[in-house]
């Protein structure tokens, strides 16, 4: 059954593997060239060189969660929807292997493959970001897209996208509607998780005088909110969390005589948040897989 699944889905496996290799080579070449270019540089000289070397590729990494949606569209949705459209599921389910076993084996094999691909992406992005350690470009915490495309969260998004596509294919039984539903639900889930991420733990509160240099811990962390604290101790909110696609945080403009209040998630919580998000996505993936399994095992497609 494993070999049959690999043969049936070899096109997805080959194309995805090829894209991962190309992406890895791109990151490796950029890391090596950049490391050579910034060797011995610091201060303004480093600031002049880094943006040109990093910006384009970092923007690509920021939009990596879109790859998870593509996995749902081209790996997950066709798993059942294409079989039903072609009528090949009838032949498959009249053999000695029961349809529940047929589905569970295929789902397990492809889910493992998808998860390994996601882990590979996360590891490659982490290794690439390590090239810029000590600079703002190494940040993978405050930038919402980079966070989702690195570490174990990347594997969680890939697995969730895949199982979401499978569930949509099982429910809608037609490939194009299943792909449309997968994309819509995935985007909604992405926005919900992005909004929830800053609440995975209670943020740290720091108060500084107006004009005082922002602590480095705040700059390296994920800013959740900021405000002003007047002499009477009344706190007024100034801004919500920064834009999803930007890790730059504009200092709040508090009036003279007040103090700046910032709520942030320290960078040291990166892996805690990574495993938390991966766990949330694993629950979502399990629910999606369960829906698809019930559809196959309990009802005729």
C-alpha atoms as a PDB file:
ATOM      1  CA  UNK A   1       0.000   0.000   0.000  1.00  0.00           C
ATOM      2  CA  UNK A   2       2.878   2.367   0.754  1.00  0.00           C
ATOM      3  CA  UNK A   3       4.514   1.714  -2.608  1.00  0.00           C
ATOM      4  CA  UNK A   4       1.185   2.128  -4.392  1.00  0.00           C
ATOM      5  CA  UNK A   5       0.582   5.458  -2.663  1.00  0.00           C
ATOM      6  CA  UNK A   6       4.051   6.689  -3.607  1.00  0.00           C
ATOM      7  CA  UNK A   7       3.479   5.697  -7.240  1.00  0.00           C
ATOM      8  CA  UNK A   8       0.083   7.354  -7.414  1.00  0.00           C
ATOM      9  CA  UNK A   9       1.382  10.589  -5.960  1.00  0.00           C
ATOM     10  CA  UNK A  10       4.874  10.577  -7.395  1.00  0.00           C
ATOM     11  CA  UNK A  11       4.257  13.798  -9.332  1.00  0.00           C
ATOM     12  CA  UNK A  12       3.524  15.757  -6.145  1.00  0.00           C
ATOM     13  CA  UNK A  13       6.510  14.142  -4.445  1.00  0.00           C
ATOM     14  CA  UNK A  14       8.900  14.898  -7.296  1.00  0.00           C
ATOM     15  CA  UNK A  15       7.746  18.485  -7.823  1.00  0.00           C
ATOM     16  CA  UNK A  16       7.743  19.296  -4.107  1.00  0.00           C
ATOM     17  CA  UNK A  17      11.163  17.708  -3.582  1.00  0.00           C
ATOM     18  CA  UNK A  18      12.544  19.674  -6.514  1.00  0.00           C
ATOM     19  CA  UNK A  19      11.168  22.940  -5.173  1.00  0.00           C
ATOM     20  CA  UNK A  20      12.566  22.225  -1.709  1.00  0.00           C
ATOM     21  CA  UNK A  21      16.013  21.518  -3.151  1.00  0.00           C
ATOM     22  CA  UNK A  22      15.886  24.721  -5.209  1.00  0.00           C
ATOM     23  CA  UNK A  23      14.747  26.714  -2.173  1.00  0.00           C
ATOM     24  CA  UNK A  24      17.502  25.197  -0.038  1.00  0.00           C
ATOM     25  CA  UNK A  25      20.157  25.984  -2.631  1.00  0.00           C
ATOM     26  CA  UNK A  26      18.867  29.566  -2.900  1.00  0.00           C
ATOM     27  CA  UNK A  27      19.092  30.032   0.865  1.00  0.00           C
ATOM     28  CA  UNK A  28      22.527  28.405   1.039  1.00  0.00           C
ATOM     29  CA  UNK A  29      24.004  30.521  -1.752  1.00  0.00           C
ATOM     30  CA  UNK A  30      22.553  33.694  -0.268  1.00  0.00           C
ATOM     31  CA  UNK A  31      23.877  32.800   3.193  1.00  0.00           C
ATOM     32  CA  UNK A  32      27.383  32.073   1.929  1.00  0.00           C
ATOM     33  CA  UNK A  33      27.583  35.176  -0.251  1.00  0.00           C
ATOM     34  CA  UNK A  34      26.166  37.396   2.484  1.00  0.00           C
ATOM     35  CA  UNK A  35      28.449  35.973   5.148  1.00  0.00           C
ATOM     36  CA  UNK A  36      31.448  36.710   2.927  1.00  0.00           C
ATOM     37  CA  UNK A  37      30.190  40.236   2.160  1.00  0.00           C
ATOM     38  CA  UNK A  38      29.613  41.215   5.803  1.00  0.00           C
ATOM     39  CA  UNK A  39      32.761  39.628   7.210  1.00  0.00           C
ATOM     40  CA  UNK A  40      34.494  42.194   9.412  1.00  0.00           C
ATOM     41  CA  UNK A  41      31.774  44.823   8.954  1.00  0.00           C
ATOM     42  CA  UNK A  42      29.881  46.547  11.761  1.00  0.00           C
ATOM     43  CA  UNK A  43      27.850  49.636  12.448  1.00  0.00           C
ATOM     44  CA  UNK A  44      26.831  51.775   9.475  1.00  0.00           C
ATOM     45  CA  UNK A  45      28.931  49.749   7.038  1.00  0.00           C
ATOM     46  CA  UNK A  46      26.992  46.607   7.985  1.00  0.00           C
ATOM     47  CA  UNK A  47      23.680  48.457   7.749  1.00  0.00           C
ATOM     48  CA  UNK A  48      24.509  49.517   4.204  1.00  0.00           C
ATOM     49  CA  UNK A  49      25.335  46.017   2.979  1.00  0.00           C
ATOM     50  CA  UNK A  50      22.723  43.839   4.664  1.00  0.00           C
ATOM     51  CA  UNK A  51      19.453  45.267   3.259  1.00  0.00           C
ATOM     52  CA  UNK A  52      20.422  44.652  -0.363  1.00  0.00           C
ATOM     53  CA  UNK A  53      21.555  41.119   0.446  1.00  0.00           C
ATOM     54  CA  UNK A  54      18.571  40.081   2.535  1.00  0.00           C
ATOM     55  CA  UNK A  55      15.434  42.021   1.682  1.00  0.00           C
ATOM     56  CA  UNK A  56      14.184  40.105  -1.372  1.00  0.00           C
ATOM     57  CA  UNK A  57      14.751  36.661   0.082  1.00  0.00           C
ATOM     58  CA  UNK A  58      13.381  37.616   3.483  1.00  0.00           C
ATOM     59  CA  UNK A  59      10.229  38.849   1.768  1.00  0.00           C
ATOM     60  CA  UNK A  60       9.937  35.439   0.126  1.00  0.00           C
ATOM     61  CA  UNK A  61      10.375  33.730   3.507  1.00  0.00           C
ATOM     62  CA  UNK A  62       7.695  36.019   4.956  1.00  0.00           C
ATOM     63  CA  UNK A  63       5.163  34.587   2.504  1.00  0.00           C
ATOM     64  CA  UNK A  64       6.152  30.960   3.111  1.00  0.00           C
ATOM     65  CA  UNK A  65       2.794  30.137   4.761  1.00  0.00           C
ATOM     66  CA  UNK A  66       1.358  30.312   1.239  1.00  0.00           C
ATOM     67  CA  UNK A  67       3.263  27.098   0.496  1.00  0.00           C
ATOM     68  CA  UNK A  68       1.145  25.353   3.123  1.00  0.00           C
ATOM     69  CA  UNK A  69      -1.976  26.411   1.261  1.00  0.00           C
ATOM     70  CA  UNK A  70      -0.540  24.998  -1.974  1.00  0.00           C
ATOM     71  CA  UNK A  71       0.012  21.683  -0.206  1.00  0.00           C
ATOM     72  CA  UNK A  72      -3.676  21.626   0.637  1.00  0.00           C
ATOM     73  CA  UNK A  73      -4.627  22.490  -2.924  1.00  0.00           C
ATOM     74  CA  UNK A  74      -2.383  20.055  -4.792  1.00  0.00           C
ATOM     75  CA  UNK A  75      -1.752  17.304  -2.224  1.00  0.00           C
ATOM     76  CA  UNK A  76      -4.830  17.234  -0.022  1.00  0.00           C
ATOM     77  CA  UNK A  77      -7.828  18.176  -2.143  1.00  0.00           C
ATOM     78  CA  UNK A  78      -7.120  15.716  -4.995  1.00  0.00           C
ATOM     79  CA  UNK A  79      -6.670  12.752  -2.632  1.00  0.00           C
ATOM     80  CA  UNK A  80     -10.396  11.941  -2.566  1.00  0.00           C
ATOM     81  CA  UNK A  81     -12.021  14.509  -4.853  1.00  0.00           C
ATOM     82  CA  UNK A  82     -10.100  13.378  -7.936  1.00  0.00           C
ATOM     83  CA  UNK A  83     -10.777   9.708  -7.185  1.00  0.00           C
ATOM     84  CA  UNK A  84     -14.512  10.408  -6.958  1.00  0.00           C
ATOM     85  CA  UNK A  85     -14.581  12.559 -10.092  1.00  0.00           C
ATOM     86  CA  UNK A  86     -12.856   9.845 -12.085  1.00  0.00           C
ATOM     87  CA  UNK A  87     -14.809   7.045 -10.466  1.00  0.00           C
ATOM     88  CA  UNK A  88     -11.632   5.161  -9.591  1.00  0.00           C
ATOM     89  CA  UNK A  89     -12.660   4.986  -5.946  1.00  0.00           C
ATOM     90  CA  UNK A  90     -15.273   2.370  -6.877  1.00  0.00           C
ATOM     91  CA  UNK A  91     -12.591   0.041  -8.235  1.00  0.00           C
ATOM     92  CA  UNK A  92     -10.271   0.668  -5.288  1.00  0.00           C
ATOM     93  CA  UNK A  93     -12.971  -0.077  -2.738  1.00  0.00           C
ATOM     94  CA  UNK A  94     -14.109  -3.331  -4.332  1.00  0.00           C
ATOM     95  CA  UNK A  95     -10.723  -4.943  -3.779  1.00  0.00           C
ATOM     96  CA  UNK A  96      -9.630  -6.959  -0.741  1.00  0.00           C
ATOM     97  CA  UNK A  97      -8.571  -3.802   1.114  1.00  0.00           C
ATOM     98  CA  UNK A  98     -11.452  -2.038   2.885  1.00  0.00           C
ATOM     99  CA  UNK A  99     -12.057   1.581   2.016  1.00  0.00           C
ATOM    100  CA  UNK A 100     -11.290   2.744   5.564  1.00  0.00           C
ATOM    101  CA  UNK A 101      -7.972   0.917   5.487  1.00  0.00           C
ATOM    102  CA  UNK A 102      -7.266   2.186   1.966  1.00  0.00           C
ATOM    103  CA  UNK A 103      -7.885   5.764   3.050  1.00  0.00           C
ATOM    104  CA  UNK A 104      -6.059   5.578   6.379  1.00  0.00           C
ATOM    105  CA  UNK A 105      -2.936   4.091   4.783  1.00  0.00           C
ATOM    106  CA  UNK A 106      -2.814   6.707   2.031  1.00  0.00           C
ATOM    107  CA  UNK A 107      -3.502   9.517   4.484  1.00  0.00           C
ATOM    108  CA  UNK A 108      -0.784   8.322   6.873  1.00  0.00           C
ATOM    109  CA  UNK A 109       1.883   7.953   4.170  1.00  0.00           C
ATOM    110  CA  UNK A 110       1.215  11.347   2.635  1.00  0.00           C
ATOM    111  CA  UNK A 111       0.847  13.052   6.020  1.00  0.00           C
ATOM    112  CA  UNK A 112       4.290  11.801   7.046  1.00  0.00           C
ATOM    113  CA  UNK A 113       5.771  12.990   3.744  1.00  0.00           C
ATOM    114  CA  UNK A 114       4.154  16.414   4.092  1.00  0.00           C
ATOM    115  CA  UNK A 115       5.301  16.800   7.701  1.00  0.00           C
ATOM    116  CA  UNK A 116       8.883  15.910   6.791  1.00  0.00           C
ATOM    117  CA  UNK A 117       8.811  18.482   4.002  1.00  0.00           C
ATOM    118  CA  UNK A 118       7.557  21.095   6.448  1.00  0.00           C
ATOM    119  CA  UNK A 119      10.290  20.222   8.937  1.00  0.00           C
ATOM    120  CA  UNK A 120      12.863  20.547   6.155  1.00  0.00           C
ATOM    121  CA  UNK A 121      11.581  24.018   5.275  1.00  0.00           C
ATOM    122  CA  UNK A 122      11.641  25.102   8.923  1.00  0.00           C
ATOM    123  CA  UNK A 123      15.189  23.812   9.407  1.00  0.00           C
ATOM    124  CA  UNK A 124      16.443  25.525   6.250  1.00  0.00           C
ATOM    125  CA  UNK A 125      14.897  28.861   7.214  1.00  0.00           C
ATOM    126  CA  UNK A 126      16.324  28.632  10.742  1.00  0.00           C
ATOM    127  CA  UNK A 127      19.786  27.883   9.373  1.00  0.00           C
ATOM    128  CA  UNK A 128      19.542  30.786   6.929  1.00  0.00           C
ATOM    129  CA  UNK A 129      18.435  33.237   9.612  1.00  0.00           C
ATOM    130  CA  UNK A 130      21.361  32.193  11.811  1.00  0.00           C
ATOM    131  CA  UNK A 131      23.616  33.795   9.187  1.00  0.00           C
ATOM    132  CA  UNK A 132      22.440  37.207  10.353  1.00  0.00           C
ATOM    133  CA  UNK A 133      22.671  36.570  14.094  1.00  0.00           C
ATOM    134  CA  UNK A 134      23.100  39.807  16.000  1.00  0.00           C
ATOM    135  CA  UNK A 135      21.228  41.882  13.404  1.00  0.00           C
ATOM    136  CA  UNK A 136      17.506  42.706  13.062  1.00  0.00           C
ATOM    137  CA  UNK A 137      17.372  40.436  10.009  1.00  0.00           C
ATOM    138  CA  UNK A 138      17.830  37.378  12.213  1.00  0.00           C
ATOM    139  CA  UNK A 139      14.437  38.055  13.816  1.00  0.00           C
ATOM    140  CA  UNK A 140      12.006  35.163  13.388  1.00  0.00           C
ATOM    141  CA  UNK A 141       9.677  35.970  16.265  1.00  0.00           C
ATOM    142  CA  UNK A 142       8.025  39.349  15.675  1.00  0.00           C
ATOM    143  CA  UNK A 143       7.573  38.775  11.937  1.00  0.00           C
ATOM    144  CA  UNK A 144       4.382  36.720  11.674  1.00  0.00           C
ATOM    145  CA  UNK A 145       5.169  35.119   8.313  1.00  0.00           C
ATOM    146  CA  UNK A 146       8.769  34.216   9.152  1.00  0.00           C
ATOM    147  CA  UNK A 147       7.628  32.654  12.434  1.00  0.00           C
ATOM    148  CA  UNK A 148       5.126  30.427  10.581  1.00  0.00           C
ATOM    149  CA  UNK A 149       7.744  29.418   8.023  1.00  0.00           C
ATOM    150  CA  UNK A 150      10.456  28.438  10.486  1.00  0.00           C
ATOM    151  CA  UNK A 151      10.949  25.832  13.196  1.00  0.00           C
ATOM    152  CA  UNK A 152       8.327  23.175  13.926  1.00  0.00           C
ATOM    153  CA  UNK A 153       5.478  25.580  13.164  1.00  0.00           C
ATOM    154  CA  UNK A 154       6.280  25.188   9.461  1.00  0.00           C
ATOM    155  CA  UNK A 155       5.621  21.446   9.703  1.00  0.00           C
ATOM    156  CA  UNK A 156       2.372  22.145  11.542  1.00  0.00           C
ATOM    157  CA  UNK A 157       1.159  24.469   8.801  1.00  0.00           C
ATOM    158  CA  UNK A 158       2.065  21.996   6.067  1.00  0.00           C
ATOM    159  CA  UNK A 159       0.234  19.165   7.802  1.00  0.00           C
ATOM    160  CA  UNK A 160      -2.790  21.332   8.559  1.00  0.00           C
ATOM    161  CA  UNK A 161      -3.016  22.543   4.959  1.00  0.00           C
ATOM    162  CA  UNK A 162      -2.822  18.980   3.678  1.00  0.00           C
ATOM    163  CA  UNK A 163      -5.501  17.526   5.954  1.00  0.00           C
ATOM    164  CA  UNK A 164      -7.741  20.535   5.359  1.00  0.00           C
ATOM    165  CA  UNK A 165      -7.602  19.798   1.634  1.00  0.00           C
ATOM    166  CA  UNK A 166      -8.376  16.128   2.241  1.00  0.00           C
ATOM    167  CA  UNK A 167     -11.417  17.025   4.352  1.00  0.00           C
ATOM    168  CA  UNK A 168     -12.675  19.479   1.735  1.00  0.00           C
ATOM    169  CA  UNK A 169     -12.304  16.835  -0.974  1.00  0.00           C
ATOM    170  CA  UNK A 170     -14.175  14.276   1.115  1.00  0.00           C
ATOM    171  CA  UNK A 171     -17.052  16.653   1.826  1.00  0.00           C
ATOM    172  CA  UNK A 172     -17.432  18.345  -1.562  1.00  0.00           C
ATOM    173  CA  UNK A 173     -16.377  15.413  -3.805  1.00  0.00           C
ATOM    174  CA  UNK A 174     -15.358  17.739  -6.642  1.00  0.00           C
ATOM    175  CA  UNK A 175     -11.817  18.959  -7.120  1.00  0.00           C
ATOM    176  CA  UNK A 176     -12.312  22.634  -7.985  1.00  0.00           C
ATOM    177  CA  UNK A 177     -14.888  23.361  -5.243  1.00  0.00           C
ATOM    178  CA  UNK A 178     -12.670  21.467  -2.793  1.00  0.00           C
ATOM    179  CA  UNK A 179      -9.660  23.570  -3.762  1.00  0.00           C
ATOM    180  CA  UNK A 180     -11.655  26.793  -3.390  1.00  0.00           C
ATOM    181  CA  UNK A 181     -12.960  25.757   0.027  1.00  0.00           C
ATOM    182  CA  UNK A 182      -9.471  24.711   1.143  1.00  0.00           C
ATOM    183  CA  UNK A 183      -8.009  28.073   0.214  1.00  0.00           C
ATOM    184  CA  UNK A 184     -10.801  30.038   1.889  1.00  0.00           C
ATOM    185  CA  UNK A 185     -10.685  28.099   5.157  1.00  0.00           C
ATOM    186  CA  UNK A 186      -6.882  28.105   5.205  1.00  0.00           C
ATOM    187  CA  UNK A 187      -6.711  31.901   4.875  1.00  0.00           C
ATOM    188  CA  UNK A 188      -9.284  32.253   7.655  1.00  0.00           C
ATOM    189  CA  UNK A 189      -7.324  29.866   9.894  1.00  0.00           C
ATOM    190  CA  UNK A 190      -4.106  31.745   9.135  1.00  0.00           C
ATOM    191  CA  UNK A 191      -5.619  35.054  10.217  1.00  0.00           C
ATOM    192  CA  UNK A 192      -7.115  33.522  13.372  1.00  0.00           C
ATOM    193  CA  UNK A 193      -3.828  31.922  14.442  1.00  0.00           C
ATOM    194  CA  UNK A 194      -1.894  35.104  13.673  1.00  0.00           C
ATOM    195  CA  UNK A 195      -4.295  37.022  15.912  1.00  0.00           C
ATOM    196  CA  UNK A 196      -4.047  34.435  18.687  1.00  0.00           C
ATOM    197  CA  UNK A 197      -0.272  34.034  18.629  1.00  0.00           C
ATOM    198  CA  UNK A 198       0.537  37.015  20.802  1.00  0.00           C
ATOM    199  CA  UNK A 199      -1.752  35.553  23.492  1.00  0.00           C
ATOM    200  CA  UNK A 200       0.038  32.202  23.833  1.00  0.00           C
ATOM    201  CA  UNK A 201       1.506  33.595  27.044  1.00  0.00           C
ATOM    202  CA  UNK A 202       1.005  36.629  29.263  1.00  0.00           C
ATOM    203  CA  UNK A 203       3.099  39.471  27.808  1.00  0.00           C
ATOM    204  CA  UNK A 204       5.818  41.230  29.781  1.00  0.00           C
ATOM    205  CA  UNK A 205       5.113  44.867  30.733  1.00  0.00           C
ATOM    206  CA  UNK A 206       7.930  47.397  30.640  1.00  0.00           C
ATOM    207  CA  UNK A 207       7.724  51.113  31.499  1.00  0.00           C
ATOM    208  CA  UNK A 208      10.345  53.645  30.384  1.00  0.00           C
ATOM    209  CA  UNK A 209      10.609  57.424  30.385  1.00  0.00           C
ATOM    210  CA  UNK A 210       9.818  59.345  27.208  1.00  0.00           C
ATOM    211  CA  UNK A 211      12.965  59.658  25.125  1.00  0.00           C
ATOM    212  CA  UNK A 212      14.732  56.791  26.885  1.00  0.00           C
ATOM    213  CA  UNK A 213      16.282  54.183  24.630  1.00  0.00           C
ATOM    214  CA  UNK A 214      13.974  51.195  24.099  1.00  0.00           C
ATOM    215  CA  UNK A 215      15.416  48.127  25.867  1.00  0.00           C
ATOM    216  CA  UNK A 216      17.020  45.639  23.527  1.00  0.00           C
ATOM    217  CA  UNK A 217      14.813  42.860  24.903  1.00  0.00           C
ATOM    218  CA  UNK A 218      11.749  44.746  23.623  1.00  0.00           C
ATOM    219  CA  UNK A 219      13.272  45.294  20.179  1.00  0.00           C
ATOM    220  CA  UNK A 220      14.107  41.603  19.856  1.00  0.00           C
ATOM    221  CA  UNK A 221      10.704  40.417  21.056  1.00  0.00           C
ATOM    222  CA  UNK A 222       7.150  40.517  19.725  1.00  0.00           C
ATOM    223  CA  UNK A 223       5.489  43.796  20.685  1.00  0.00           C
ATOM    224  CA  UNK A 224       1.842  43.199  21.569  1.00  0.00           C
ATOM    225  CA  UNK A 225       0.693  46.700  22.497  1.00  0.00           C
ATOM    226  CA  UNK A 226       1.977  50.048  23.707  1.00  0.00           C
ATOM    227  CA  UNK A 227       0.607  53.030  25.536  1.00  0.00           C
ATOM    228  CA  UNK A 228       1.291  55.974  27.792  1.00  0.00           C
ATOM    229  CA  UNK A 229       1.307  56.226  31.572  1.00  0.00           C
ATOM    230  CA  UNK A 230       0.614  59.696  32.993  1.00  0.00           C
ATOM    231  CA  UNK A 231       1.690  61.083  36.379  1.00  0.00           C
ATOM    232  CA  UNK A 232      -1.581  59.928  37.960  1.00  0.00           C
ATOM    233  CA  UNK A 233      -0.906  56.336  36.921  1.00  0.00           C
ATOM    234  CA  UNK A 234      -3.597  56.265  34.222  1.00  0.00           C
ATOM    235  CA  UNK A 235      -2.603  54.148  31.251  1.00  0.00           C
ATOM    236  CA  UNK A 236      -3.813  55.028  27.753  1.00  0.00           C
ATOM    237  CA  UNK A 237      -3.392  52.582  24.867  1.00  0.00           C
ATOM    238  CA  UNK A 238      -1.537  53.951  21.857  1.00  0.00           C
ATOM    239  CA  UNK A 239      -1.327  51.103  19.388  1.00  0.00           C
ATOM    240  CA  UNK A 240      -2.117  47.472  18.806  1.00  0.00           C
ATOM    241  CA  UNK A 241       0.371  44.864  17.676  1.00  0.00           C
ATOM    242  CA  UNK A 242       2.519  45.759  14.626  1.00  0.00           C
ATOM    243  CA  UNK A 243       1.557  44.806  11.086  1.00  0.00           C
ATOM    244  CA  UNK A 244       1.904  41.119  10.262  1.00  0.00           C
ATOM    245  CA  UNK A 245       4.483  41.610   7.555  1.00  0.00           C
ATOM    246  CA  UNK A 246       6.743  43.994   9.418  1.00  0.00           C
ATOM    247  CA  UNK A 247       8.982  43.424  12.396  1.00  0.00           C
ATOM    248  CA  UNK A 248       9.737  47.123  12.802  1.00  0.00           C
ATOM    249  CA  UNK A 249       7.992  48.739  15.755  1.00  0.00           C
ATOM    250  CA  UNK A 250       7.540  52.533  15.794  1.00  0.00           C
ATOM    251  CA  UNK A 251       8.089  53.928  19.308  1.00  0.00           C
ATOM    252  CA  UNK A 252       4.890  55.399  20.758  1.00  0.00           C
ATOM    253  CA  UNK A 253       4.666  59.170  20.837  1.00  0.00           C
ATOM    254  CA  UNK A 254       3.738  59.927  24.425  1.00  0.00           C
ATOM    255  CA  UNK A 255       3.344  63.502  25.693  1.00  0.00           C
ATOM    256  CA  UNK A 256       6.007  65.103  27.847  1.00  0.00           C
ATOM    257  CA  UNK A 257       5.705  64.178  31.493  1.00  0.00           C
ATOM    258  CA  UNK A 258       4.309  60.724  30.848  1.00  0.00           C
ATOM    259  CA  UNK A 259       6.026  57.393  30.428  1.00  0.00           C
ATOM    260  CA  UNK A 260       5.922  54.797  27.658  1.00  0.00           C
ATOM    261  CA  UNK A 261       4.380  51.412  28.386  1.00  0.00           C
ATOM    262  CA  UNK A 262       5.116  48.430  26.178  1.00  0.00           C
ATOM    263  CA  UNK A 263       3.731  44.907  26.355  1.00  0.00           C
ATOM    264  CA  UNK A 264       5.843  42.335  24.567  1.00  0.00           C
ATOM    265  CA  UNK A 265       6.627  38.657  24.263  1.00  0.00           C
ATOM    266  CA  UNK A 266      10.374  38.077  24.893  1.00  0.00           C
ATOM    267  CA  UNK A 267      12.399  36.474  22.115  1.00  0.00           C
ATOM    268  CA  UNK A 268      13.319  33.717  24.555  1.00  0.00           C
ATOM    269  CA  UNK A 269       9.781  32.370  24.227  1.00  0.00           C
ATOM    270  CA  UNK A 270      10.317  31.586  20.555  1.00  0.00           C
ATOM    271  CA  UNK A 271      10.454  27.809  20.898  1.00  0.00           C
ATOM    272  CA  UNK A 272       7.681  27.772  23.483  1.00  0.00           C
ATOM    273  CA  UNK A 273       5.467  29.592  20.988  1.00  0.00           C
ATOM    274  CA  UNK A 274       6.661  27.339  18.164  1.00  0.00           C
ATOM    275  CA  UNK A 275       5.553  24.187  19.971  1.00  0.00           C
ATOM    276  CA  UNK A 276       2.318  25.844  21.083  1.00  0.00           C
ATOM    277  CA  UNK A 277       1.412  26.761  17.514  1.00  0.00           C
ATOM    278  CA  UNK A 278       2.455  23.351  16.222  1.00  0.00           C
ATOM    279  CA  UNK A 279       0.187  21.766  18.836  1.00  0.00           C
ATOM    280  CA  UNK A 280      -2.771  23.940  17.824  1.00  0.00           C
ATOM    281  CA  UNK A 281      -2.238  23.050  14.170  1.00  0.00           C
ATOM    282  CA  UNK A 282      -1.900  19.368  15.029  1.00  0.00           C
ATOM    283  CA  UNK A 283      -5.311  19.503  16.709  1.00  0.00           C
ATOM    284  CA  UNK A 284      -6.743  21.191  13.626  1.00  0.00           C
ATOM    285  CA  UNK A 285      -5.127  18.602  11.368  1.00  0.00           C
ATOM    286  CA  UNK A 286      -6.493  15.764  13.492  1.00  0.00           C
ATOM    287  CA  UNK A 287     -10.013  17.194  13.322  1.00  0.00           C
ATOM    288  CA  UNK A 288      -9.783  17.595   9.546  1.00  0.00           C
ATOM    289  CA  UNK A 289      -8.470  14.064   9.120  1.00  0.00           C
ATOM    290  CA  UNK A 290     -11.224  12.764  11.398  1.00  0.00           C
ATOM    291  CA  UNK A 291     -13.905  14.455   9.309  1.00  0.00           C
ATOM    292  CA  UNK A 292     -12.491  12.946   6.140  1.00  0.00           C
ATOM    293  CA  UNK A 293     -12.190   9.486   7.701  1.00  0.00           C
ATOM    294  CA  UNK A 294     -15.784   9.533   8.933  1.00  0.00           C
ATOM    295  CA  UNK A 295     -16.948  10.584   5.500  1.00  0.00           C
ATOM    296  CA  UNK A 296     -15.128   7.688   3.883  1.00  0.00           C
ATOM    297  CA  UNK A 297     -15.833   5.025   6.506  1.00  0.00           C
ATOM    298  CA  UNK A 298     -19.434   5.854   7.396  1.00  0.00           C
ATOM    299  CA  UNK A 299     -20.920   7.309   4.240  1.00  0.00           C
ATOM    300  CA  UNK A 300     -20.708   6.489   0.564  1.00  0.00           C
ATOM    301  CA  UNK A 301     -18.943   9.134  -1.480  1.00  0.00           C
END
